[in-house]
PDB file of N, CA and C in Angstrom:
ATOM      1  N   UNK A   1       1.189  -0.996  -0.228  1.00  0.00           N
ATOM      2  CA  UNK A   1       0.016  -0.259  -0.006  1.00  0.00           C
ATOM      3  C   UNK A   1       1.138   1.387  -0.193  1.00  0.00           C
ATOM      4  N   UNK A   2       2.008   1.170   0.942  1.00  0.00           N
ATOM      5  CA  UNK A   2       2.464   2.297   1.079  1.00  0.00           C
ATOM      6  C   UNK A   2       2.998   2.585  -0.230  1.00  0.00           C
ATOM      7  N   UNK A   3       3.930   1.730  -1.050  1.00  0.00           N
ATOM      8  CA  UNK A   3       4.495   1.688  -2.323  1.00  0.00           C
ATOM      9  C   UNK A   3       3.440   2.297  -3.441  1.00  0.00           C
ATOM     10  N   UNK A   4       2.325   1.950  -3.077  1.00  0.00           N
ATOM     11  CA  UNK A   4       1.227   1.972  -4.318  1.00  0.00           C
ATOM     12  C   UNK A   4       0.771   3.618  -4.078  1.00  0.00           C
ATOM     13  N   UNK A   5       0.896   4.487  -2.839  1.00  0.00           N
ATOM     14  CA  UNK A   5       1.128   5.452  -2.291  1.00  0.00           C
ATOM     15  C   UNK A   5       1.497   6.472  -2.993  1.00  0.00           C
ATOM     16  N   UNK A   6       3.264   6.063  -3.331  1.00  0.00           N
ATOM     17  CA  UNK A   6       4.050   6.628  -3.452  1.00  0.00           C
ATOM     18  C   UNK A   6       5.106   7.249  -2.152  1.00  0.00           C
ATOM     19  N   UNK A   7       5.160   6.512  -1.721  1.00  0.00           N
ATOM     20  CA  UNK A   7       5.483   6.311   0.230  1.00  0.00           C
ATOM     21  C   UNK A   7       6.261   5.557   0.998  1.00  0.00           C
ATOM     22  N   UNK A   8       7.393   5.794  -0.574  1.00  0.00           N
ATOM     23  CA  UNK A   8       8.908   5.086  -0.792  1.00  0.00           C
ATOM     24  C   UNK A   8       9.790   5.021   0.498  1.00  0.00           C
ATOM     25  N   UNK A   9       9.826   4.997   0.775  1.00  0.00           N
ATOM     26  CA  UNK A   9      10.401   5.240   2.178  1.00  0.00           C
ATOM     27  C   UNK A   9       9.835   4.489   3.194  1.00  0.00           C
ATOM     28  N   UNK A  10       8.402   4.417   3.242  1.00  0.00           N
ATOM     29  CA  UNK A  10       7.982   3.947   4.573  1.00  0.00           C
ATOM     30  C   UNK A  10       7.608   2.329   4.622  1.00  0.00           C
ATOM     31  N   UNK A  11       8.237   2.176   2.630  1.00  0.00           N
ATOM     32  CA  UNK A  11       7.115   0.689   1.936  1.00  0.00           C
ATOM     33  C   UNK A  11       8.794   0.040   1.780  1.00  0.00           C
ATOM     34  N   UNK A  12       9.681   0.957   1.997  1.00  0.00           N
ATOM     35  CA  UNK A  12      10.690  -0.068   2.068  1.00  0.00           C
ATOM     36  C   UNK A  12      11.398  -0.497   3.885  1.00  0.00           C
ATOM     37  N   UNK A  13      11.251   0.792   4.575  1.00  0.00           N
ATOM     38  CA  UNK A  13      11.009   0.785   6.177  1.00  0.00           C
ATOM     39  C   UNK A  13      10.735  -0.637   6.531  1.00  0.00           C
ATOM     40  N   UNK A  14       8.712  -0.715   5.265  1.00  0.00           N
ATOM     41  CA  UNK A  14       8.458  -2.613   5.547  1.00  0.00           C
ATOM     42  C   UNK A  14       9.367  -3.037   4.586  1.00  0.00           C
ATOM     43  N   UNK A  15       9.936  -3.407   3.879  1.00  0.00           N
ATOM     44  CA  UNK A  15      10.262  -4.314   3.050  1.00  0.00           C
ATOM     45  C   UNK A  15      11.235  -5.648   3.596  1.00  0.00           C
ATOM     46  N   UNK A  16      12.022  -3.829   4.931  1.00  0.00           N
ATOM     47  CA  UNK A  16      13.773  -4.447   5.104  1.00  0.00           C
ATOM     48  C   UNK A  16      13.267  -4.688   6.730  1.00  0.00           C
ATOM     49  N   UNK A  17      12.427  -4.459   7.264  1.00  0.00           N
ATOM     50  CA  UNK A  17      11.821  -5.646   8.387  1.00  0.00           C
ATOM     51  C   UNK A  17      10.900  -7.000   8.403  1.00  0.00           C
ATOM     52  N   UNK A  18      10.753  -6.900   6.704  1.00  0.00           N
ATOM     53  CA  UNK A  18      10.172  -7.841   6.398  1.00  0.00           C
ATOM     54  C   UNK A  18      11.522  -9.441   5.933  1.00  0.00           C
ATOM     55  N   UNK A  19      12.362  -8.368   5.453  1.00  0.00           N
ATOM     56  CA  UNK A  19      13.283  -8.928   4.669  1.00  0.00           C
ATOM     57  C   UNK A  19      14.513  -9.523   6.064  1.00  0.00           C
ATOM     58  N   UNK A  20      14.480  -8.922   7.711  1.00  0.00           N
ATOM     59  CA  UNK A  20      14.988  -9.202   8.069  1.00  0.00           C
ATOM     60  C   UNK A  20      14.821 -10.199   8.490  1.00  0.00           C
ATOM     61  N   UNK A  21      13.415 -10.381   9.209  1.00  0.00           N
ATOM     62  CA  UNK A  21      12.412 -11.914   9.567  1.00  0.00           C
ATOM     63  C   UNK A  21      12.841 -13.231   8.912  1.00  0.00           C
ATOM     64  N   UNK A  22      12.398 -12.989   7.108  1.00  0.00           N
ATOM     65  CA  UNK A  22      12.640 -13.855   6.980  1.00  0.00           C
ATOM     66  C   UNK A  22      14.160 -14.240   6.566  1.00  0.00           C
ATOM     67  N   UNK A  23      15.036 -13.431   6.621  1.00  0.00           N
ATOM     68  CA  UNK A  23      16.462 -14.297   6.471  1.00  0.00           C
ATOM     69  C   UNK A  23      16.692 -14.773   8.280  1.00  0.00           C
ATOM     70  N   UNK A  24      16.364 -14.438   9.110  1.00  0.00           N
ATOM     71  CA  UNK A  24      16.596 -15.004  10.342  1.00  0.00           C
ATOM     72  C   UNK A  24      15.972 -16.185  10.429  1.00  0.00           C
ATOM     73  N   UNK A  25      14.902 -16.519   9.935  1.00  0.00           N
ATOM     74  CA  UNK A  25      13.774 -17.710   9.447  1.00  0.00           C
ATOM     75  C   UNK A  25      13.598 -19.306   9.060  1.00  0.00           C
ATOM     76  N   UNK A  26      13.661 -17.774   7.282  1.00  0.00           N
ATOM     77  CA  UNK A  26      13.780 -18.875   6.144  1.00  0.00           C
ATOM     78  C   UNK A  26      15.430 -19.190   6.342  1.00  0.00           C
ATOM     79  N   UNK A  27      16.401 -18.080   6.040  1.00  0.00           N
ATOM     80  CA  UNK A  27      17.954 -18.244   5.243  1.00  0.00           C
ATOM     81  C   UNK A  27      17.629 -17.504   4.230  1.00  0.00           C
ATOM     82  N   UNK A  28      19.149 -17.136   3.724  1.00  0.00           N
ATOM     83  CA  UNK A  28      18.884 -15.854   2.228  1.00  0.00           C
ATOM     84  C   UNK A  28      18.792 -17.237   1.368  1.00  0.00           C
ATOM     85  N   UNK A  29      18.296 -17.813   0.746  1.00  0.00           N
ATOM     86  CA  UNK A  29      18.821 -18.898  -0.103  1.00  0.00           C
ATOM     87  C   UNK A  29      17.038 -19.492   0.425  1.00  0.00           C
ATOM     88  N   UNK A  30      15.943 -18.867  -0.120  1.00  0.00           N
ATOM     89  CA  UNK A  30      14.715 -19.152  -0.231  1.00  0.00           C
ATOM     90  C   UNK A  30      14.017 -17.932  -0.972  1.00  0.00           C
ATOM     91  N   UNK A  31      12.960 -18.048  -1.592  1.00  0.00           N
ATOM     92  CA  UNK A  31      11.968 -17.607  -3.049  1.00  0.00           C
ATOM     93  C   UNK A  31      11.347 -16.723  -1.384  1.00  0.00           C
ATOM     94  N   UNK A  32      10.680 -16.879  -1.268  1.00  0.00           N
ATOM     95  CA  UNK A  32      10.284 -16.151  -0.586  1.00  0.00           C
ATOM     96  C   UNK A  32      11.122 -14.504  -0.147  1.00  0.00           C
ATOM     97  N   UNK A  33      12.980 -15.360   0.431  1.00  0.00           N
ATOM     98  CA  UNK A  33      13.088 -13.944   0.594  1.00  0.00           C
ATOM     99  C   UNK A  33      13.789 -13.012  -0.965  1.00  0.00           C
ATOM    100  N   UNK A  34      14.075 -13.551  -2.105  1.00  0.00           N
ATOM    101  CA  UNK A  34      14.378 -13.343  -3.095  1.00  0.00           C
ATOM    102  C   UNK A  34      13.049 -12.999  -3.913  1.00  0.00           C
ATOM    103  N   UNK A  35      11.632 -12.477  -3.293  1.00  0.00           N
ATOM    104  CA  UNK A  35      10.338 -11.737  -4.065  1.00  0.00           C
ATOM    105  C   UNK A  35      10.725 -10.882  -2.948  1.00  0.00           C
ATOM    106  N   UNK A  36      10.999 -10.822  -1.831  1.00  0.00           N
ATOM    107  CA  UNK A  36      11.251  -9.242  -1.451  1.00  0.00           C
ATOM    108  C   UNK A  36      12.542  -8.030  -1.795  1.00  0.00           C
ATOM    109  N   UNK A  37      13.637  -9.047  -1.846  1.00  0.00           N
ATOM    110  CA  UNK A  37      14.525  -8.118  -2.736  1.00  0.00           C
ATOM    111  C   UNK A  37      14.259  -7.995  -4.405  1.00  0.00           C
ATOM    112  N   UNK A  38      13.336  -8.505  -5.019  1.00  0.00           N
ATOM    113  CA  UNK A  38      12.452  -7.616  -6.281  1.00  0.00           C
ATOM    114  C   UNK A  38      11.746  -7.000  -6.096  1.00  0.00           C
ATOM    115  N   UNK A  39      10.823  -6.172  -5.173  1.00  0.00           N
ATOM    116  CA  UNK A  39      10.190  -6.054  -4.901  1.00  0.00           C
ATOM    117  C   UNK A  39      10.544  -4.375  -4.289  1.00  0.00           C
ATOM    118  N   UNK A  40      11.816  -4.942  -2.848  1.00  0.00           N
ATOM    119  CA  UNK A  40      12.952  -3.576  -3.250  1.00  0.00           C
ATOM    120  C   UNK A  40      13.886  -3.055  -4.214  1.00  0.00           C
ATOM    121  N   UNK A  41      13.444  -3.896  -5.022  1.00  0.00           N
ATOM    122  CA  UNK A  41      14.280  -3.368  -6.123  1.00  0.00           C
ATOM    123  C   UNK A  41      13.265  -2.275  -7.360  1.00  0.00           C
ATOM    124  N   UNK A  42      11.999  -2.992  -6.782  1.00  0.00           N
ATOM    125  CA  UNK A  42      11.216  -2.198  -7.776  1.00  0.00           C
ATOM    126  C   UNK A  42      10.574  -0.517  -7.395  1.00  0.00           C
ATOM    127  N   UNK A  43      10.676  -0.601  -5.615  1.00  0.00           N
ATOM    128  CA  UNK A  43      10.911   0.525  -4.984  1.00  0.00           C
ATOM    129  C   UNK A  43      11.726   1.465  -5.600  1.00  0.00           C
ATOM    130  N   UNK A  44      13.125   0.549  -5.768  1.00  0.00           N
ATOM    131  CA  UNK A  44      14.031   1.027  -6.396  1.00  0.00           C
ATOM    132  C   UNK A  44      13.768   2.702  -7.367  1.00  0.00           C
ATOM    133  N   UNK A  45      12.939   1.083  -8.460  1.00  0.00           N
ATOM    134  CA  UNK A  45      13.433   1.768  -9.337  1.00  0.00           C
ATOM    135  C   UNK A  45      12.559   2.931  -9.561  1.00  0.00           C
ATOM    136  N   UNK A  46      11.608   3.250  -8.782  1.00  0.00           N
ATOM    137  CA  UNK A  46      10.899   3.790  -9.009  1.00  0.00           C
ATOM    138  C   UNK A  46      10.890   5.083  -8.251  1.00  0.00           C
ATOM    139  N   UNK A  47      12.405   5.313  -7.800  1.00  0.00           N
ATOM    140  CA  UNK A  47      12.787   6.513  -6.741  1.00  0.00           C
ATOM    141  C   UNK A  47      13.934   6.902  -7.718  1.00  0.00           C
ATOM    142  N   UNK A  48      13.881   6.240  -9.185  1.00  0.00           N
ATOM    143  CA  UNK A  48      15.502   6.748  -9.439  1.00  0.00           C
ATOM    144  C   UNK A  48      16.419   5.793  -9.109  1.00  0.00           C
ATOM    145  N   UNK A  49      16.389   5.477  -8.279  1.00  0.00           N
ATOM    146  CA  UNK A  49      17.371   4.583  -7.422  1.00  0.00           C
ATOM    147  C   UNK A  49      18.646   3.825  -8.346  1.00  0.00           C
ATOM    148  N   UNK A  50      18.356   3.494  -9.554  1.00  0.00           N
ATOM    149  CA  UNK A  50      18.677   2.331 -11.423  1.00  0.00           C
ATOM    150  C   UNK A  50      19.656   1.005 -10.215  1.00  0.00           C
ATOM    151  N   UNK A  51      20.943   2.062  -9.187  1.00  0.00           N
ATOM    152  CA  UNK A  51      22.365   1.364  -8.720  1.00  0.00           C
ATOM    153  C   UNK A  51      20.962   0.509  -7.876  1.00  0.00           C
ATOM    154  N   UNK A  52      21.202   0.824  -7.173  1.00  0.00           N
ATOM    155  CA  UNK A  52      20.071  -0.227  -5.313  1.00  0.00           C
ATOM    156  C   UNK A  52      19.314  -0.974  -6.374  1.00  0.00           C
ATOM    157  N   UNK A  53      18.301  -0.824  -7.274  1.00  0.00           N
ATOM    158  CA  UNK A  53      17.200  -1.430  -8.465  1.00  0.00           C
ATOM    159  C   UNK A  53      17.877  -2.556  -8.527  1.00  0.00           C
ATOM    160  N   UNK A  54      18.838  -2.252  -9.719  1.00  0.00           N
ATOM    161  CA  UNK A  54      19.950  -3.499  -9.837  1.00  0.00           C
ATOM    162  C   UNK A  54      20.731  -3.900  -8.576  1.00  0.00           C
ATOM    163  N   UNK A  55      21.324  -3.845  -7.539  1.00  0.00           N
ATOM    164  CA  UNK A  55      21.345  -4.255  -6.814  1.00  0.00           C
ATOM    165  C   UNK A  55      20.664  -5.367  -6.057  1.00  0.00           C
ATOM    166  N   UNK A  56      19.451  -5.067  -5.506  1.00  0.00           N
ATOM    167  CA  UNK A  56      18.695  -5.792  -5.015  1.00  0.00           C
ATOM    168  C   UNK A  56      17.750  -7.064  -6.305  1.00  0.00           C
ATOM    169  N   UNK A  57      18.207  -6.533  -8.007  1.00  0.00           N
ATOM    170  CA  UNK A  57      17.759  -7.663  -8.476  1.00  0.00           C
ATOM    171  C   UNK A  57      18.115  -8.648  -8.827  1.00  0.00           C
ATOM    172  N   UNK A  58      19.251  -8.191  -8.982  1.00  0.00           N
ATOM    173  CA  UNK A  58      20.341  -8.918  -8.733  1.00  0.00           C
ATOM    174  C   UNK A  58      20.992  -9.951  -7.517  1.00  0.00           C
ATOM    175  N   UNK A  59      20.770  -9.881  -6.070  1.00  0.00           N
ATOM    176  CA  UNK A  59      20.654 -10.508  -4.984  1.00  0.00           C
ATOM    177  C   UNK A  59      19.352 -11.686  -5.511  1.00  0.00           C
ATOM    178  N   UNK A  60      17.776 -11.585  -6.068  1.00  0.00           N
ATOM    179  CA  UNK A  60      16.637 -11.983  -6.251  1.00  0.00           C
ATOM    180  C   UNK A  60      17.284 -12.893  -7.087  1.00  0.00           C
ATOM    181  N   UNK A  61      18.127 -12.030  -8.309  1.00  0.00           N
ATOM    182  CA  UNK A  61      18.825 -13.555  -9.368  1.00  0.00           C
ATOM    183  C   UNK A  61      18.771 -14.831  -9.225  1.00  0.00           C
ATOM    184  N   UNK A  62      20.510 -13.447  -8.212  1.00  0.00           N
ATOM    185  CA  UNK A  62      21.277 -15.389  -7.580  1.00  0.00           C
ATOM    186  C   UNK A  62      20.073 -16.475  -6.653  1.00  0.00           C
ATOM    187  N   UNK A  63      19.791 -15.859  -6.100  1.00  0.00           N
ATOM    188  CA  UNK A  63      18.651 -17.022  -5.221  1.00  0.00           C
ATOM    189  C   UNK A  63      17.870 -17.573  -5.846  1.00  0.00           C
ATOM    190  N   UNK A  64      17.461 -16.836  -6.760  1.00  0.00           N
ATOM    191  CA  UNK A  64      16.703 -17.686  -8.362  1.00  0.00           C
ATOM    192  C   UNK A  64      17.183 -18.699  -9.002  1.00  0.00           C
ATOM    193  N   UNK A  65      18.300 -18.675  -9.281  1.00  0.00           N
ATOM    194  CA  UNK A  65      18.568 -19.438  -9.768  1.00  0.00           C
ATOM    195  C   UNK A  65      19.319 -20.929  -9.388  1.00  0.00           C
ATOM    196  N   UNK A  66      19.767 -20.258  -8.239  1.00  0.00           N
ATOM    197  CA  UNK A  66      20.303 -21.221  -7.288  1.00  0.00           C
ATOM    198  C   UNK A  66      18.914 -21.581  -6.150  1.00  0.00           C
ATOM    199  N   UNK A  67      18.085 -21.396  -6.410  1.00  0.00           N
ATOM    200  CA  UNK A  67      16.996 -22.891  -5.827  1.00  0.00           C
ATOM    201  C   UNK A  67      16.197 -23.178  -7.132  1.00  0.00           C
ATOM    202  N   UNK A  68      15.730 -22.196  -7.520  1.00  0.00           N
ATOM    203  CA  UNK A  68      14.673 -22.751  -8.747  1.00  0.00           C
ATOM    204  C   UNK A  68      15.882 -22.784 -10.153  1.00  0.00           C
ATOM    205  N   UNK A  69      16.377 -23.160 -10.534  1.00  0.00           N
ATOM    206  CA  UNK A  69      17.454 -23.457 -12.119  1.00  0.00           C
ATOM    207  C   UNK A  69      17.103 -22.292 -12.430  1.00  0.00           C
ATOM    208  N   UNK A  70      18.325 -21.900 -14.015  1.00  0.00           N
ATOM    209  CA  UNK A  70      18.045 -21.128 -14.809  1.00  0.00           C
ATOM    210  C   UNK A  70      16.734 -21.184 -15.715  1.00  0.00           C
ATOM    211  N   UNK A  71      16.015 -21.905 -15.804  1.00  0.00           N
ATOM    212  CA  UNK A  71      14.914 -22.277 -17.185  1.00  0.00           C
ATOM    213  C   UNK A  71      13.833 -22.310 -16.203  1.00  0.00           C
ATOM    214  N   UNK A  72      13.340 -21.276 -14.869  1.00  0.00           N
ATOM    215  CA  UNK A  72      12.081 -21.084 -14.525  1.00  0.00           C
ATOM    216  C   UNK A  72      12.189 -20.031 -14.767  1.00  0.00           C
ATOM    217  N   UNK A  73      10.211 -19.728 -15.012  1.00  0.00           N
ATOM    218  CA  UNK A  73       9.966 -18.568 -15.596  1.00  0.00           C
ATOM    219  C   UNK A  73       9.961 -16.783 -15.175  1.00  0.00           C
ATOM    220  N   UNK A  74      10.439 -17.200 -13.086  1.00  0.00           N
ATOM    221  CA  UNK A  74      10.579 -16.790 -11.705  1.00  0.00           C
ATOM    222  C   UNK A  74      12.223 -15.524 -12.731  1.00  0.00           C
ATOM    223  N   UNK A  75      12.645 -16.510 -13.187  1.00  0.00           N
ATOM    224  CA  UNK A  75      14.224 -16.351 -12.971  1.00  0.00           C
ATOM    225  C   UNK A  75      14.348 -15.489 -14.663  1.00  0.00           C
ATOM    226  N   UNK A  76      13.096 -15.296 -15.351  1.00  0.00           N
ATOM    227  CA  UNK A  76      13.168 -15.004 -17.074  1.00  0.00           C
ATOM    228  C   UNK A  76      12.222 -13.493 -16.314  1.00  0.00           C
ATOM    229  N   UNK A  77      11.446 -13.418 -15.411  1.00  0.00           N
ATOM    230  CA  UNK A  77      11.080 -11.987 -15.223  1.00  0.00           C
ATOM    231  C   UNK A  77      11.785 -11.605 -14.369  1.00  0.00           C
ATOM    232  N   UNK A  78      13.035 -11.702 -13.887  1.00  0.00           N
ATOM    233  CA  UNK A  78      13.227 -10.930 -13.178  1.00  0.00           C
ATOM    234  C   UNK A  78      15.154 -10.645 -14.110  1.00  0.00           C
ATOM    235  N   UNK A  79      15.071 -11.236 -15.279  1.00  0.00           N
ATOM    236  CA  UNK A  79      16.219 -11.012 -16.297  1.00  0.00           C
ATOM    237  C   UNK A  79      15.520  -9.831 -17.153  1.00  0.00           C
ATOM    238  N   UNK A  80      13.548  -9.875 -16.987  1.00  0.00           N
ATOM    239  CA  UNK A  80      13.114  -8.875 -18.148  1.00  0.00           C
ATOM    240  C   UNK A  80      13.503  -7.667 -17.505  1.00  0.00           C
ATOM    241  N   UNK A  81      12.820  -7.953 -15.530  1.00  0.00           N
ATOM    242  CA  UNK A  81      12.770  -6.502 -14.488  1.00  0.00           C
ATOM    243  C   UNK A  81      14.288  -5.919 -15.084  1.00  0.00           C
ATOM    244  N   UNK A  82      15.298  -6.505 -15.366  1.00  0.00           N
ATOM    245  CA  UNK A  82      16.677  -6.098 -14.719  1.00  0.00           C
ATOM    246  C   UNK A  82      16.858  -5.418 -16.161  1.00  0.00           C
ATOM    247  N   UNK A  83      16.369  -5.642 -17.392  1.00  0.00           N
ATOM    248  CA  UNK A  83      16.888  -5.409 -18.939  1.00  0.00           C
ATOM    249  C   UNK A  83      15.806  -4.325 -18.882  1.00  0.00           C
ATOM    250  N   UNK A  84      14.850  -4.192 -18.815  1.00  0.00           N
ATOM    251  CA  UNK A  84      14.100  -2.479 -18.701  1.00  0.00           C
ATOM    252  C   UNK A  84      14.145  -1.739 -17.965  1.00  0.00           C
TER     253      UNK A  84
END
């Protein structure tokens, strides 16, 4: 909701809390963690912070490749987001 409202700092604050819990509970190689990195990357992109967006999308991609393999559609979507 915060992201949709353009409240990007608030959105990132909540994504960071989510990520902290996920990393503690699920570990660093879980698809839910990858999705949160993806979501954070989208917020950074919306802010025009493209280096930070790519950094988070790369973390997402690394996890998805390791867990899901190179042929998964979510991996393809991540490549697409990085290219757009």
